[in-house]
Amino acid sequence: MATASKEDEPQNCWEFLDCPNEIRDKCLAFQKKLGDTCWFIITEKEKGCYGYDKYNGCINCPWFKKNNPDREAP
């Protein structure tokens, strides 16, 4: 039985969240190729992030939680 390797996992937020192309193409994280740590550049004024909007903030986004397992919501 083959197990998934780290290389098989999504390496960017837009892949993990399966962002629609029309949203992804306007996304600052996608444009700057910072999908591994998008929460550092997405701010309250940077609305339009699929995960931020869908999950009401980075702290609630499953991509953020996957990459920050020790961080708890305030």
PDB file of N, CA and C in Angstrom:
ATOM      1  N   MET A   1       0.850  -1.180   0.000  1.00  0.00           N
ATOM      2  CA  MET A   1       0.000   0.000   0.000  1.00  0.00           C
ATOM      3  C   MET A   1       0.892   1.239   0.000  1.00  0.00           C
ATOM      4  N   ALA A   2       0.676   2.135  -0.952  1.00  0.00           N
ATOM      5  CA  ALA A   2       1.464   3.357  -1.056  1.00  0.00           C
ATOM      6  C   ALA A   2       0.880   4.420  -0.138  1.00  0.00           C
ATOM      7  N   THR A   3       1.759   5.152   0.496  1.00  0.00           N
ATOM      8  CA  THR A   3       1.318   6.250   1.337  1.00  0.00           C
ATOM      9  C   THR A   3       1.664   7.558   0.645  1.00  0.00           C
ATOM     10  N   ALA A   4       0.854   8.562   0.886  1.00  0.00           N
ATOM     11  CA  ALA A   4       1.091   9.872   0.281  1.00  0.00           C
ATOM     12  C   ALA A   4       2.325  10.503   0.903  1.00  0.00           C
ATOM     13  N   SER A   5       3.146  11.078   0.068  1.00  0.00           N
ATOM     14  CA  SER A   5       4.337  11.754   0.559  1.00  0.00           C
ATOM     15  C   SER A   5       4.048  13.239   0.716  1.00  0.00           C
ATOM     16  N   LYS A   6       4.962  13.935   1.362  1.00  0.00           N
ATOM     17  CA  LYS A   6       4.824  15.374   1.559  1.00  0.00           C
ATOM     18  C   LYS A   6       4.713  16.091   0.211  1.00  0.00           C
ATOM     19  N   GLU A   7       5.418  15.571  -0.800  1.00  0.00           N
ATOM     20  CA  GLU A   7       5.372  16.186  -2.121  1.00  0.00           C
ATOM     21  C   GLU A   7       3.994  16.071  -2.774  1.00  0.00           C
ATOM     22  N   ASP A   8       3.205  15.074  -2.368  1.00  0.00           N
ATOM     23  CA  ASP A   8       1.876  14.876  -2.931  1.00  0.00           C
ATOM     24  C   ASP A   8       0.837  15.820  -2.318  1.00  0.00           C
ATOM     25  N   GLU A   9       1.162  16.402  -1.179  1.00  0.00           N
ATOM     26  CA  GLU A   9       0.230  17.296  -0.497  1.00  0.00           C
ATOM     27  C   GLU A   9       0.263  18.674  -1.149  1.00  0.00           C
ATOM     28  N   PRO A  10      -0.849  19.413  -1.087  1.00  0.00           N
ATOM     29  CA  PRO A  10      -0.842  20.782  -1.604  1.00  0.00           C
ATOM     30  C   PRO A  10       0.228  21.611  -0.891  1.00  0.00           C
ATOM     31  N   GLN A  11       0.942  22.409  -1.649  1.00  0.00           N
ATOM     32  CA  GLN A  11       2.001  23.239  -1.085  1.00  0.00           C
ATOM     33  C   GLN A  11       1.605  24.716  -1.011  1.00  0.00           C
ATOM     34  N   ASN A  12       0.422  25.041  -1.532  1.00  0.00           N
ATOM     35  CA  ASN A  12      -0.060  26.418  -1.533  1.00  0.00           C
ATOM     36  C   ASN A  12      -1.527  26.461  -1.137  1.00  0.00           C
ATOM     37  N   CYS A  13      -1.911  27.592  -0.571  1.00  0.00           N
ATOM     38  CA  CYS A  13      -3.288  27.756  -0.101  1.00  0.00           C
ATOM     39  C   CYS A  13      -4.293  27.569  -1.220  1.00  0.00           C
ATOM     40  N   TRP A  14      -4.024  28.128  -2.399  1.00  0.00           N
ATOM     41  CA  TRP A  14      -4.984  28.049  -3.508  1.00  0.00           C
ATOM     42  C   TRP A  14      -5.197  26.619  -3.983  1.00  0.00           C
ATOM     43  N   GLU A  15      -4.195  25.766  -3.834  1.00  0.00           N
ATOM     44  CA  GLU A  15      -4.350  24.353  -4.181  1.00  0.00           C
ATOM     45  C   GLU A  15      -5.162  23.638  -3.094  1.00  0.00           C
ATOM     46  N   PHE A  16      -4.804  23.887  -1.855  1.00  0.00           N
ATOM     47  CA  PHE A  16      -5.468  23.252  -0.723  1.00  0.00           C
ATOM     48  C   PHE A  16      -6.948  23.606  -0.685  1.00  0.00           C
ATOM     49  N   LEU A  17      -7.264  24.872  -0.898  1.00  0.00           N
ATOM     50  CA  LEU A  17      -8.643  25.357  -0.828  1.00  0.00           C
ATOM     51  C   LEU A  17      -9.382  25.231  -2.158  1.00  0.00           C
ATOM     52  N   ASP A  18      -8.669  24.826  -3.203  1.00  0.00           N
ATOM     53  CA  ASP A  18      -9.243  24.702  -4.537  1.00  0.00           C
ATOM     54  C   ASP A  18      -9.942  25.998  -4.948  1.00  0.00           C
ATOM     55  N   CYS A  19      -9.204  27.084  -4.843  1.00  0.00           N
ATOM     56  CA  CYS A  19      -9.760  28.403  -5.153  1.00  0.00           C
ATOM     57  C   CYS A  19     -10.187  28.494  -6.611  1.00  0.00           C
ATOM     58  N   PRO A  20     -11.327  29.083  -6.854  1.00  0.00           N
ATOM     59  CA  PRO A  20     -11.755  29.309  -8.239  1.00  0.00           C
ATOM     60  C   PRO A  20     -10.752  30.225  -8.956  1.00  0.00           C
ATOM     61  N   ASN A  21     -10.500  29.965 -10.221  1.00  0.00           N
ATOM     62  CA  ASN A  21      -9.506  30.734 -10.982  1.00  0.00           C
ATOM     63  C   ASN A  21      -9.735  32.232 -10.931  1.00  0.00           C
ATOM     64  N   GLU A  22     -10.984  32.663 -11.048  1.00  0.00           N
ATOM     65  CA  GLU A  22     -11.260  34.105 -11.071  1.00  0.00           C
ATOM     66  C   GLU A  22     -10.907  34.774  -9.744  1.00  0.00           C
ATOM     67  N   ILE A  23     -10.966  34.062  -8.651  1.00  0.00           N
ATOM     68  CA  ILE A  23     -10.556  34.592  -7.345  1.00  0.00           C
ATOM     69  C   ILE A  23      -9.045  34.455  -7.196  1.00  0.00           C
ATOM     70  N   ARG A  24      -8.525  33.297  -7.523  1.00  0.00           N
ATOM     71  CA  ARG A  24      -7.093  33.027  -7.385  1.00  0.00           C
ATOM     72  C   ARG A  24      -6.255  34.046  -8.159  1.00  0.00           C
ATOM     73  N   ASP A  25      -6.650  34.349  -9.382  1.00  0.00           N
ATOM     74  CA  ASP A  25      -5.864  35.248 -10.221  1.00  0.00           C
ATOM     75  C   ASP A  25      -5.762  36.662  -9.655  1.00  0.00           C
ATOM     76  N   LYS A  26      -6.718  37.068  -8.829  1.00  0.00           N
ATOM     77  CA  LYS A  26      -6.703  38.396  -8.199  1.00  0.00           C
ATOM     78  C   LYS A  26      -6.049  38.378  -6.815  1.00  0.00           C
ATOM     79  N   CYS A  27      -5.732  37.205  -6.340  1.00  0.00           N
ATOM     80  CA  CYS A  27      -5.231  37.031  -4.971  1.00  0.00           C
ATOM     81  C   CYS A  27      -3.770  37.455  -4.848  1.00  0.00           C
ATOM     82  N   LEU A  28      -3.474  38.250  -3.843  1.00  0.00           N
ATOM     83  CA  LEU A  28      -2.118  38.719  -3.590  1.00  0.00           C
ATOM     84  C   LEU A  28      -1.170  37.565  -3.281  1.00  0.00           C
ATOM     85  N   ALA A  29      -1.620  36.576  -2.543  1.00  0.00           N
ATOM     86  CA  ALA A  29      -0.775  35.418  -2.228  1.00  0.00           C
ATOM     87  C   ALA A  29      -0.403  34.661  -3.501  1.00  0.00           C
ATOM     88  N   PHE A  30      -1.349  34.503  -4.415  1.00  0.00           N
ATOM     89  CA  PHE A  30      -1.078  33.829  -5.685  1.00  0.00           C
ATOM     90  C   PHE A  30      -0.130  34.658  -6.543  1.00  0.00           C
ATOM     91  N   GLN A  31      -0.403  35.948  -6.646  1.00  0.00           N
ATOM     92  CA  GLN A  31       0.418  36.830  -7.472  1.00  0.00           C
ATOM     93  C   GLN A  31       1.869  36.868  -6.990  1.00  0.00           C
ATOM     94  N   LYS A  32       2.063  36.836  -5.686  1.00  0.00           N
ATOM     95  CA  LYS A  32       3.414  36.910  -5.117  1.00  0.00           C
ATOM     96  C   LYS A  32       4.007  35.533  -4.812  1.00  0.00           C
ATOM     97  N   LYS A  33       3.255  34.482  -5.149  1.00  0.00           N
ATOM     98  CA  LYS A  33       3.701  33.097  -4.910  1.00  0.00           C
ATOM     99  C   LYS A  33       4.037  32.861  -3.436  1.00  0.00           C
ATOM    100  N   LEU A  34       3.131  33.313  -2.564  1.00  0.00           N
ATOM    101  CA  LEU A  34       3.290  33.161  -1.120  1.00  0.00           C
ATOM    102  C   LEU A  34       2.173  32.315  -0.530  1.00  0.00           C
ATOM    103  N   GLY A  35       1.751  31.301  -1.266  1.00  0.00           N
ATOM    104  CA  GLY A  35       0.651  30.453  -0.827  1.00  0.00           C
ATOM    105  C   GLY A  35       0.980  29.538   0.319  1.00  0.00           C
ATOM    106  N   ASP A  36       2.258  29.401   0.657  1.00  0.00           N
ATOM    107  CA  ASP A  36       2.616  28.551   1.800  1.00  0.00           C
ATOM    108  C   ASP A  36       2.445  29.300   3.115  1.00  0.00           C
ATOM    109  N   THR A  37       2.511  30.621   3.081  1.00  0.00           N
ATOM    110  CA  THR A  37       2.360  31.446   4.288  1.00  0.00           C
ATOM    111  C   THR A  37       1.486  32.662   3.996  1.00  0.00           C
ATOM    112  N   CYS A  38       0.375  32.440   3.335  1.00  0.00           N
ATOM    113  CA  CYS A  38      -0.500  33.526   2.898  1.00  0.00           C
ATOM    114  C   CYS A  38      -0.985  34.414   4.042  1.00  0.00           C
ATOM    115  N   TRP A  39      -1.123  33.876   5.237  1.00  0.00           N
ATOM    116  CA  TRP A  39      -1.654  34.638   6.367  1.00  0.00           C
ATOM    117  C   TRP A  39      -0.753  35.806   6.747  1.00  0.00           C
ATOM    118  N   PHE A  40       0.496  35.806   6.304  1.00  0.00           N
ATOM    119  CA  PHE A  40       1.385  36.931   6.588  1.00  0.00           C
ATOM    120  C   PHE A  40       1.075  38.150   5.730  1.00  0.00           C
ATOM    121  N   ILE A  41       0.417  37.956   4.601  1.00  0.00           N
ATOM    122  CA  ILE A  41       0.146  39.093   3.718  1.00  0.00           C
ATOM    123  C   ILE A  41      -1.333  39.425   3.592  1.00  0.00           C
ATOM    124  N   ILE A  42      -2.213  38.513   3.961  1.00  0.00           N
ATOM    125  CA  ILE A  42      -3.647  38.779   3.873  1.00  0.00           C
ATOM    126  C   ILE A  42      -4.064  39.570   5.114  1.00  0.00           C
ATOM    127  N   THR A  43      -4.666  40.712   4.886  1.00  0.00           N
ATOM    128  CA  THR A  43      -5.097  41.568   5.992  1.00  0.00           C
ATOM    129  C   THR A  43      -6.595  41.821   5.884  1.00  0.00           C
ATOM    130  N   GLU A  44      -7.102  42.500   6.866  1.00  0.00           N
ATOM    131  CA  GLU A  44      -8.521  42.847   6.876  1.00  0.00           C
ATOM    132  C   GLU A  44      -8.904  43.589   5.595  1.00  0.00           C
ATOM    133  N   LYS A  45      -8.033  44.470   5.126  1.00  0.00           N
ATOM    134  CA  LYS A  45      -8.344  45.228   3.910  1.00  0.00           C
ATOM    135  C   LYS A  45      -8.133  44.414   2.633  1.00  0.00           C
ATOM    136  N   GLU A  46      -7.460  43.271   2.745  1.00  0.00           N
ATOM    137  CA  GLU A  46      -7.177  42.404   1.594  1.00  0.00           C
ATOM    138  C   GLU A  46      -8.320  41.416   1.405  1.00  0.00           C
ATOM    139  N   LYS A  47      -9.519  41.907   1.446  1.00  0.00           N
ATOM    140  CA  LYS A  47     -10.682  41.053   1.203  1.00  0.00           C
ATOM    141  C   LYS A  47     -10.589  40.476  -0.200  1.00  0.00           C
ATOM    142  N   GLY A  48     -11.219  39.359  -0.397  1.00  0.00           N
ATOM    143  CA  GLY A  48     -11.150  38.699  -1.682  1.00  0.00           C
ATOM    144  C   GLY A  48     -10.384  37.397  -1.599  1.00  0.00           C
ATOM    145  N   CYS A  49      -9.720  37.162  -0.485  1.00  0.00           N
ATOM    146  CA  CYS A  49      -9.062  35.877  -0.283  1.00  0.00           C
ATOM    147  C   CYS A  49     -10.159  34.834  -0.057  1.00  0.00           C
ATOM    148  N   TYR A  50     -10.133  33.790  -0.839  1.00  0.00           N
ATOM    149  CA  TYR A  50     -11.170  32.761  -0.768  1.00  0.00           C
ATOM    150  C   TYR A  50     -11.284  32.158   0.634  1.00  0.00           C
ATOM    151  N   GLY A  51     -10.159  31.758   1.212  1.00  0.00           N
ATOM    152  CA  GLY A  51     -10.168  31.163   2.545  1.00  0.00           C
ATOM    153  C   GLY A  51     -10.566  32.157   3.619  1.00  0.00           C
ATOM    154  N   TYR A  52     -10.038  33.367   3.531  1.00  0.00           N
ATOM    155  CA  TYR A  52     -10.349  34.407   4.518  1.00  0.00           C
ATOM    156  C   TYR A  52     -11.843  34.697   4.520  1.00  0.00           C
ATOM    157  N   ASP A  53     -12.386  34.878   3.329  1.00  0.00           N
ATOM    158  CA  ASP A  53     -13.812  35.197   3.225  1.00  0.00           C
ATOM    159  C   ASP A  53     -14.695  34.010   3.610  1.00  0.00           C
ATOM    160  N   LYS A  54     -14.341  32.826   3.142  1.00  0.00           N
ATOM    161  CA  LYS A  54     -15.169  31.640   3.394  1.00  0.00           C
ATOM    162  C   LYS A  54     -15.179  31.240   4.868  1.00  0.00           C
ATOM    163  N   TYR A  55     -14.033  31.395   5.536  1.00  0.00           N
ATOM    164  CA  TYR A  55     -13.912  30.933   6.922  1.00  0.00           C
ATOM    165  C   TYR A  55     -13.866  32.064   7.933  1.00  0.00           C
ATOM    166  N   ASN A  56     -14.172  33.281   7.483  1.00  0.00           N
ATOM    167  CA  ASN A  56     -14.246  34.440   8.364  1.00  0.00           C
ATOM    168  C   ASN A  56     -12.914  34.709   9.069  1.00  0.00           C
ATOM    169  N   GLY A  57     -11.858  34.754   8.283  1.00  0.00           N
ATOM    170  CA  GLY A  57     -10.537  35.091   8.809  1.00  0.00           C
ATOM    171  C   GLY A  57      -9.549  33.951   8.693  1.00  0.00           C
ATOM    172  N   CYS A  58      -8.289  34.328   8.698  1.00  0.00           N
ATOM    173  CA  CYS A  58      -7.219  33.333   8.563  1.00  0.00           C
ATOM    174  C   CYS A  58      -7.223  32.330   9.713  1.00  0.00           C
ATOM    175  N   ILE A  59      -7.477  32.784  10.899  1.00  0.00           N
ATOM    176  CA  ILE A  59      -7.399  31.924  12.086  1.00  0.00           C
ATOM    177  C   ILE A  59      -8.376  30.753  11.998  1.00  0.00           C
ATOM    178  N   ASN A  60      -9.445  30.904  11.231  1.00  0.00           N
ATOM    179  CA  ASN A  60     -10.449  29.844  11.078  1.00  0.00           C
ATOM    180  C   ASN A  60     -10.251  28.995   9.821  1.00  0.00           C
ATOM    181  N   CYS A  61      -9.332  29.394   8.963  1.00  0.00           N
ATOM    182  CA  CYS A  61      -9.111  28.715   7.692  1.00  0.00           C
ATOM    183  C   CYS A  61      -8.386  27.386   7.914  1.00  0.00           C
ATOM    184  N   PRO A  62      -8.829  26.312   7.271  1.00  0.00           N
ATOM    185  CA  PRO A  62      -8.184  25.015   7.448  1.00  0.00           C
ATOM    186  C   PRO A  62      -6.728  24.999   6.968  1.00  0.00           C
ATOM    187  N   TRP A  63      -6.373  25.835   5.994  1.00  0.00           N
ATOM    188  CA  TRP A  63      -4.971  25.909   5.543  1.00  0.00           C
ATOM    189  C   TRP A  63      -4.097  26.482   6.652  1.00  0.00           C
ATOM    190  N   PHE A  64      -4.566  27.545   7.289  1.00  0.00           N
ATOM    191  CA  PHE A  64      -3.840  28.140   8.411  1.00  0.00           C
ATOM    192  C   PHE A  64      -3.711  27.129   9.548  1.00  0.00           C
ATOM    193  N   LYS A  65      -4.804  26.457   9.873  1.00  0.00           N
ATOM    194  CA  LYS A  65      -4.799  25.476  10.965  1.00  0.00           C
ATOM    195  C   LYS A  65      -3.858  24.310  10.663  1.00  0.00           C
ATOM    196  N   LYS A  66      -3.816  23.869   9.413  1.00  0.00           N
ATOM    197  CA  LYS A  66      -2.934  22.767   9.031  1.00  0.00           C
ATOM    198  C   LYS A  66      -1.474  23.151   9.238  1.00  0.00           C
ATOM    199  N   ASN A  67      -1.147  24.388   8.930  1.00  0.00           N
ATOM    200  CA  ASN A  67       0.237  24.855   9.009  1.00  0.00           C
ATOM    201  C   ASN A  67       0.607  25.461  10.359  1.00  0.00           C
ATOM    202  N   ASN A  68      -0.358  25.643  11.228  1.00  0.00           N
ATOM    203  CA  ASN A  68      -0.134  26.202  12.563  1.00  0.00           C
ATOM    204  C   ASN A  68      -0.910  25.393  13.593  1.00  0.00           C
ATOM    205  N   PRO A  69      -0.602  24.115  13.731  1.00  0.00           N
ATOM    206  CA  PRO A  69      -1.425  23.238  14.576  1.00  0.00           C
ATOM    207  C   PRO A  69      -1.441  23.625  16.058  1.00  0.00           C
ATOM    208  N   ASP A  70      -0.462  24.369  16.517  1.00  0.00           N
ATOM    209  CA  ASP A  70      -0.405  24.749  17.924  1.00  0.00           C
ATOM    210  C   ASP A  70      -1.085  26.081  18.214  1.00  0.00           C
ATOM    211  N   ARG A  71      -1.542  26.738  17.173  1.00  0.00           N
ATOM    212  CA  ARG A  71      -2.175  28.063  17.326  1.00  0.00           C
ATOM    213  C   ARG A  71      -3.659  27.891  17.555  1.00  0.00           C
ATOM    214  N   GLU A  72      -4.160  28.489  18.604  1.00  0.00           N
ATOM    215  CA  GLU A  72      -5.596  28.403  18.909  1.00  0.00           C
ATOM    216  C   GLU A  72      -6.274  29.717  18.576  1.00  0.00           C
ATOM    217  N   ALA A  73      -7.520  29.622  18.188  1.00  0.00           N
ATOM    218  CA  ALA A  73      -8.301  30.827  17.914  1.00  0.00           C
ATOM    219  C   ALA A  73      -8.477  31.621  19.194  1.00  0.00           C
ATOM    220  N   PRO A  74      -8.452  32.963  19.065  1.00  0.00           N
ATOM    221  CA  PRO A  74      -8.618  33.808  20.268  1.00  0.00           C
ATOM    222  C   PRO A  74      -9.994  33.688  20.860  1.00  0.00           C
TER     223      PRO A  74
END
